[in-house]
Amino acid sequence: MTIVVTTPTGHVGSRVVQVLVQAGVRPRVLVRDPSRLPADLLPLVDVARGDLRDADFVAGAVEGAETLLWVTPEAFDVPDPLAEMVAMGENAAGAVRAAGVRRVLQISSVGAELRRGAGLIDGLARNEEQLASAGADLLTLRCGYYFTNLFGLLDGLREGVLTTTAPPSRRMPWVDPRDVGEVAAARLLAGWSGSSVQAVHGPADLSWDEAAEILSAVLGTPVSAVRITDDQLRDALIGAGLSEAAASGIAGMTSGIPDDFVPEQSRDFRTSTPTTLHSWACEALRGVTEASTKD
């Protein structure tokens, strides 16, 4: 059984690769820069070096594979991230067709079921459609808001502010991407037939106010959720060097989700995962903020 994994250095992909290797599987990993892989991992995987934006590379890299884990990488630093996501999805679908890949597991997002109007989440929705047309048995994992997105908010957190363009009282699923990786690895190892969608919602739905309260306890300093406008967010992102299309796409991931939105997949035993925001922040966020403050 050959399992191909994209983004093996990312938060999700790296955990998938680790679990597969621990299970005795030798995955084929698609990576632009193999030097980013842990040195002691290299003897345990087959490395295909290239860019997912290169259709020929993707087609060659999945040849002979039975199963593909497809994670569309973030590309915020390009002029039009949404177009990049769609182009990479087309490369994936074309490669799956050409190689006769039997199964595809796609990492998507809560909100993709809206199909249109949710910023860069629209790219994942389009990827869902592209891969559904490729002829393989498709399992889509629609995931909640990654804890690791907080790494992009460190400047504000150091000043006790958790910024959002959503109403601070709006609840949504929050999830550790490592848990997403474990769910994905379990499904890749078990296999499946047919096509379906499964949510990965984390342990609980949280509001931004509740997240700020948790972070206050972990960081040992008061943190408050503060709502900013879409225009303020776009201006800040453009000021940081992003294109207007990228800034609007990022803002749209929140503003495009209605306040009364309910995910298509409900929260239940199968869609819930164990790692809490509190435990993740104690391990991953507290040290980063402390180091940044000392610097």
Protein backbone atom coordinates (compact mmCIF):
# COMPACT_ATOMS: atom_id res chain seq x y z
CA MET A 1 0.00 0.00 0.00
CA THR A 2 1.47 3.33 -1.06
CA ILE A 3 0.17 6.39 0.78
CA VAL A 4 1.16 9.80 -0.57
CA VAL A 5 1.19 12.73 1.84
CA THR A 6 1.31 16.40 0.88
CA THR A 7 2.56 19.19 3.20
CA PRO A 8 4.55 16.75 5.39
CA THR A 9 6.19 19.63 7.26
CA GLY A 10 2.88 21.31 8.16
CA HIS A 11 0.96 21.04 11.40
CA VAL A 12 -1.37 18.35 10.04
CA GLY A 13 0.89 16.60 7.54
CA SER A 14 3.81 16.17 9.93
CA ARG A 15 1.59 14.41 12.47
CA VAL A 16 0.13 12.17 9.76
CA VAL A 17 3.61 11.15 8.62
CA GLN A 18 4.70 10.40 12.19
CA VAL A 19 1.70 8.17 12.88
CA LEU A 20 2.04 6.34 9.56
CA VAL A 21 5.72 5.64 10.18
CA GLN A 22 4.97 4.47 13.71
CA ALA A 23 2.38 2.10 12.22
CA GLY A 24 5.01 0.57 9.96
CA VAL A 25 3.99 2.34 6.75
CA ARG A 26 6.55 3.99 4.49
CA PRO A 27 4.73 7.00 3.03
CA ARG A 28 5.74 8.99 -0.01
CA VAL A 29 5.98 12.64 0.97
CA LEU A 30 5.66 15.55 -1.45
CA VAL A 31 7.78 18.47 -0.30
CA ARG A 32 9.44 21.52 -1.82
CA ASP A 33 12.36 21.58 0.59
CA PRO A 34 13.40 18.16 1.99
CA SER A 35 15.81 19.86 4.40
CA ARG A 36 12.78 20.88 6.45
CA LEU A 37 12.05 17.23 7.22
CA PRO A 38 13.60 15.82 10.42
CA ALA A 39 16.88 14.11 9.58
CA ASP A 40 15.92 10.91 11.40
CA LEU A 41 12.70 10.71 9.37
CA LEU A 42 14.39 10.69 5.96
CA PRO A 43 15.34 6.97 5.99
CA LEU A 44 11.72 6.07 6.78
CA VAL A 45 9.94 7.86 3.91
CA ASP A 46 10.19 8.20 0.16
CA VAL A 47 10.73 11.85 -0.77
CA ALA A 48 9.32 13.44 -3.92
CA ARG A 49 10.73 16.93 -4.24
CA GLY A 50 8.64 19.51 -6.07
CA ASP A 51 5.88 22.09 -5.99
CA LEU A 52 2.16 21.31 -5.86
CA ARG A 53 1.63 24.13 -8.35
CA ASP A 54 3.50 22.00 -10.92
CA ALA A 55 0.96 19.68 -12.56
CA ASP A 56 3.64 17.40 -14.02
CA PHE A 57 5.30 16.99 -10.65
CA VAL A 58 2.04 16.12 -8.89
CA ALA A 59 1.10 13.63 -11.61
CA GLY A 60 4.44 11.87 -11.37
CA ALA A 61 4.52 11.92 -7.59
CA VAL A 62 1.19 10.12 -7.15
CA GLU A 63 1.81 7.52 -9.84
CA GLY A 64 1.43 4.03 -8.41
CA ALA A 65 -0.21 5.27 -5.20
CA GLU A 66 -3.31 3.72 -3.73
CA THR A 67 -4.16 6.57 -1.35
CA LEU A 68 -3.50 10.31 -1.35
CA LEU A 69 -3.71 12.74 1.55
CA TRP A 70 -4.33 16.12 -0.04
CA VAL A 71 -3.73 19.25 2.03
CA THR A 72 -3.88 22.49 0.07
CA PRO A 73 -0.97 24.56 1.40
CA GLU A 74 -1.45 28.14 2.52
CA ALA A 75 -0.05 30.61 0.03
CA PHE A 76 -0.89 34.02 1.47
CA ASP A 77 2.20 35.64 -0.06
CA VAL A 78 1.03 35.26 -3.68
CA PRO A 79 -1.03 37.84 -5.59
CA ASP A 80 -4.19 35.69 -5.72
CA PRO A 81 -4.26 32.87 -3.12
CA LEU A 82 -7.73 31.71 -4.15
CA ALA A 83 -6.62 31.18 -7.74
CA GLU A 84 -3.55 29.30 -6.46
CA MET A 85 -5.74 26.99 -4.38
CA VAL A 86 -8.00 26.24 -7.33
CA ALA A 87 -5.01 25.59 -9.60
CA MET A 88 -3.45 23.18 -7.09
CA GLY A 89 -6.78 21.41 -6.69
CA GLU A 90 -6.99 20.93 -10.43
CA ASN A 91 -3.48 19.47 -10.41
CA ALA A 92 -4.54 17.02 -7.69
CA ALA A 93 -7.72 15.96 -9.46
CA GLY A 94 -5.91 15.51 -12.77
CA ALA A 95 -3.19 13.42 -11.14
CA VAL A 96 -5.74 11.23 -9.34
CA ARG A 97 -7.53 10.54 -12.61
CA ALA A 98 -4.36 9.81 -14.55
CA ALA A 99 -2.86 7.54 -11.89
CA GLY A 100 -6.07 5.78 -10.94
CA VAL A 101 -5.62 6.60 -7.25
CA ARG A 102 -8.20 4.59 -5.33
CA ARG A 103 -8.73 6.82 -2.30
CA VAL A 104 -8.26 10.52 -1.54
CA LEU A 105 -8.49 12.10 1.89
CA GLN A 106 -8.83 15.87 1.70
CA ILE A 107 -8.33 18.29 4.59
CA SER A 108 -10.98 20.98 4.28
CA SER A 109 -12.66 23.46 6.62
CA VAL A 110 -15.92 24.06 8.40
CA GLY A 111 -17.70 26.59 6.19
CA ALA A 112 -16.74 24.94 2.92
CA GLU A 113 -20.28 23.57 2.74
CA LEU A 114 -21.42 27.14 2.00
CA ARG A 115 -19.55 26.77 -1.32
CA ARG A 116 -19.31 30.51 -2.00
CA GLY A 117 -18.76 33.76 -0.12
CA ALA A 118 -16.36 32.63 2.63
CA GLY A 119 -13.08 34.07 1.41
CA LEU A 120 -10.24 31.58 1.05
CA ILE A 121 -12.47 28.81 2.41
CA ASP A 122 -14.06 29.00 -1.05
CA GLY A 123 -10.81 27.55 -2.37
CA LEU A 124 -11.23 24.48 -0.19
CA ALA A 125 -14.86 24.21 -1.30
CA ARG A 126 -13.72 24.27 -4.91
CA ASN A 127 -11.08 21.64 -4.10
CA GLU A 128 -13.83 19.45 -2.64
CA GLU A 129 -15.69 19.68 -5.95
CA GLN A 130 -12.57 19.07 -8.02
CA LEU A 131 -11.56 15.98 -6.08
CA ALA A 132 -15.12 14.67 -6.05
CA SER A 133 -15.01 14.65 -9.84
CA ALA A 134 -11.74 12.70 -9.98
CA GLY A 135 -13.30 9.25 -9.62
CA ALA A 136 -11.66 8.15 -6.34
CA ASP A 137 -13.37 7.32 -3.06
CA LEU A 138 -13.18 10.73 -1.38
CA LEU A 139 -13.16 11.32 2.36
CA THR A 140 -13.32 15.01 3.28
CA LEU A 141 -12.37 16.15 6.77
CA ARG A 142 -13.94 19.53 7.50
CA CYS A 143 -11.99 20.98 10.39
CA GLY A 144 -12.61 23.70 12.93
CA TYR A 145 -10.48 26.78 13.62
CA TYR A 146 -6.89 25.69 14.19
CA PHE A 147 -5.32 26.61 17.53
CA THR A 148 -2.14 27.35 15.59
CA ASN A 149 -3.82 30.34 13.93
CA LEU A 150 -3.09 32.11 17.22
CA PHE A 151 0.58 32.22 16.27
CA GLY A 152 -0.44 34.92 13.79
CA LEU A 153 -1.92 37.00 16.63
CA LEU A 154 1.09 37.05 18.94
CA ASP A 155 1.66 40.81 18.75
CA GLY A 156 -1.82 41.49 20.04
CA LEU A 157 -1.70 38.74 22.66
CA ARG A 158 1.49 40.22 24.11
CA GLU A 159 -0.56 43.38 24.71
CA GLY A 160 -3.55 41.48 26.10
CA VAL A 161 -5.69 41.69 22.96
CA LEU A 162 -7.22 38.85 20.96
CA THR A 163 -8.48 40.47 17.77
CA THR A 164 -11.28 39.12 15.62
CA THR A 165 -13.68 40.43 13.01
CA ALA A 166 -16.38 38.09 14.33
CA PRO A 167 -18.75 38.93 17.17
CA PRO A 168 -16.74 37.96 20.30
CA SER A 169 -19.70 35.91 21.53
CA ARG A 170 -19.91 33.80 18.37
CA ARG A 171 -19.10 30.16 19.08
CA MET A 172 -17.33 27.89 16.62
CA PRO A 173 -15.30 24.68 16.70
CA TRP A 174 -11.64 25.09 17.71
CA VAL A 175 -9.21 22.22 17.12
CA ASP A 176 -5.56 21.23 17.51
CA PRO A 177 -4.25 20.43 14.00
CA ARG A 178 -2.23 17.57 15.49
CA ASP A 179 -5.54 15.94 16.39
CA VAL A 180 -6.67 16.47 12.80
CA GLY A 181 -3.51 14.65 11.73
CA GLU A 182 -4.28 11.74 14.03
CA VAL A 183 -7.83 11.40 12.69
CA ALA A 184 -6.50 11.57 9.13
CA ALA A 185 -3.82 8.96 9.82
CA ALA A 186 -6.35 6.61 11.41
CA ARG A 187 -8.62 6.84 8.39
CA LEU A 188 -5.71 6.40 5.96
CA LEU A 189 -4.64 3.23 7.76
CA ALA A 190 -8.15 1.80 8.05
CA GLY A 191 -9.25 2.65 4.51
CA TRP A 192 -12.79 3.38 3.38
CA SER A 193 -15.12 2.95 0.43
CA GLY A 194 -17.41 5.47 -1.16
CA SER A 195 -17.35 9.20 -0.53
CA SER A 196 -18.27 11.02 2.65
CA VAL A 197 -17.60 14.07 4.80
CA GLN A 198 -16.49 13.91 8.42
CA ALA A 199 -15.99 16.89 10.70
CA VAL A 200 -13.09 17.35 13.12
CA HIS A 201 -14.51 19.79 15.64
CA GLY A 202 -12.03 19.66 18.53
CA PRO A 203 -13.26 19.15 22.11
CA ALA A 204 -15.66 22.12 22.33
CA ASP A 205 -17.14 25.08 20.53
CA LEU A 206 -15.65 28.29 21.92
CA SER A 207 -16.50 31.95 21.59
CA TRP A 208 -13.71 34.48 21.23
CA ASP A 209 -14.56 35.74 24.71
CA GLU A 210 -14.15 32.22 26.09
CA ALA A 211 -10.89 31.73 24.19
CA ALA A 212 -9.58 35.02 25.65
CA GLU A 213 -10.49 33.84 29.15
CA ILE A 214 -8.57 30.59 28.61
CA LEU A 215 -5.55 32.43 27.23
CA SER A 216 -5.62 34.82 30.18
CA ALA A 217 -5.28 31.88 32.55
CA VAL A 218 -2.48 30.27 30.54
CA LEU A 219 -0.46 33.42 29.87
CA GLY A 220 -0.91 34.83 33.35
CA THR A 221 -2.06 38.21 32.05
CA PRO A 222 -5.50 39.56 31.15
CA VAL A 223 -6.50 38.97 27.53
CA SER A 224 -9.66 40.45 26.04
CA ALA A 225 -11.37 39.67 22.77
CA VAL A 226 -11.61 42.85 20.71
CA ARG A 227 -13.63 43.09 17.53
CA ILE A 228 -12.15 45.01 14.62
CA THR A 229 -13.72 45.75 11.25
CA ASP A 230 -13.02 43.91 8.03
CA ASP A 231 -11.45 47.08 6.66
CA GLN A 232 -9.10 47.33 9.64
CA LEU A 233 -8.00 43.75 9.14
CA ARG A 234 -7.50 44.20 5.40
CA ASP A 235 -5.51 47.38 5.94
CA ALA A 236 -3.28 45.64 8.49
CA LEU A 237 -2.67 42.70 6.19
CA ILE A 238 -1.91 44.93 3.21
CA GLY A 239 0.42 46.93 5.43
CA ALA A 240 2.21 43.69 6.26
CA GLY A 241 2.85 43.11 2.57
CA LEU A 242 -0.09 40.98 1.44
CA SER A 243 -1.95 41.68 -1.78
CA GLU A 244 -5.47 43.10 -1.74
CA ALA A 245 -6.80 39.75 -2.97
CA ALA A 246 -5.02 37.89 -0.18
CA ALA A 247 -6.18 40.35 2.47
CA SER A 248 -9.79 40.19 1.29
CA GLY A 249 -9.65 36.39 1.15
CA ILE A 250 -8.43 36.15 4.71
CA ALA A 251 -11.03 38.63 5.98
CA GLY A 252 -13.75 36.77 4.10
CA MET A 253 -13.07 33.56 6.01
CA THR A 254 -14.75 35.18 9.00
CA SER A 255 -17.07 37.78 7.51
CA GLY A 256 -18.47 35.27 5.01
CA ILE A 257 -19.70 32.93 7.74
CA PRO A 258 -23.16 33.97 8.99
CA ASP A 259 -23.50 34.58 12.73
CA ASP A 260 -26.16 31.83 12.91
CA PHE A 261 -24.12 29.35 10.88
CA VAL A 262 -24.33 25.71 12.01
CA PRO A 263 -21.81 23.27 10.54
CA GLU A 264 -23.30 20.66 8.27
CA GLN A 265 -21.69 17.88 10.32
CA SER A 266 -22.86 17.89 13.92
CA ARG A 267 -20.69 17.53 17.00
CA ASP A 268 -20.71 13.98 18.31
CA PHE A 269 -18.29 11.36 19.60
CA ARG A 270 -16.77 10.75 16.17
CA THR A 271 -16.24 14.41 15.30
CA SER A 272 -14.80 15.50 18.67
CA THR A 273 -11.09 15.35 19.52
CA PRO A 274 -9.36 15.50 22.91
CA THR A 275 -6.84 18.34 23.01
CA THR A 276 -8.21 21.47 24.70
CA LEU A 277 -7.16 25.02 23.93
CA HIS A 278 -5.88 25.31 27.50
CA SER A 279 -3.56 22.30 27.24
CA TRP A 280 -2.33 23.28 23.77
CA ALA A 281 -1.63 26.86 24.83
CA CYS A 282 0.29 25.70 27.91
CA GLU A 283 2.53 23.60 25.70
CA ALA A 284 2.83 25.61 22.50
CA LEU A 285 1.82 29.22 23.08
CA ARG A 286 3.04 30.21 26.52
CA GLY A 287 6.68 29.58 25.70
CA VAL A 288 6.46 31.49 22.44
CA THR A 289 4.91 34.57 24.02
CA GLU A 290 7.38 34.50 26.90
CA ALA A 291 10.34 34.22 24.51
CA SER A 292 8.97 37.02 22.36
CA THR A 293 8.57 39.25 25.37
CA LYS A 294 12.16 38.61 26.49
CA ASP A 295 13.43 39.34 22.98
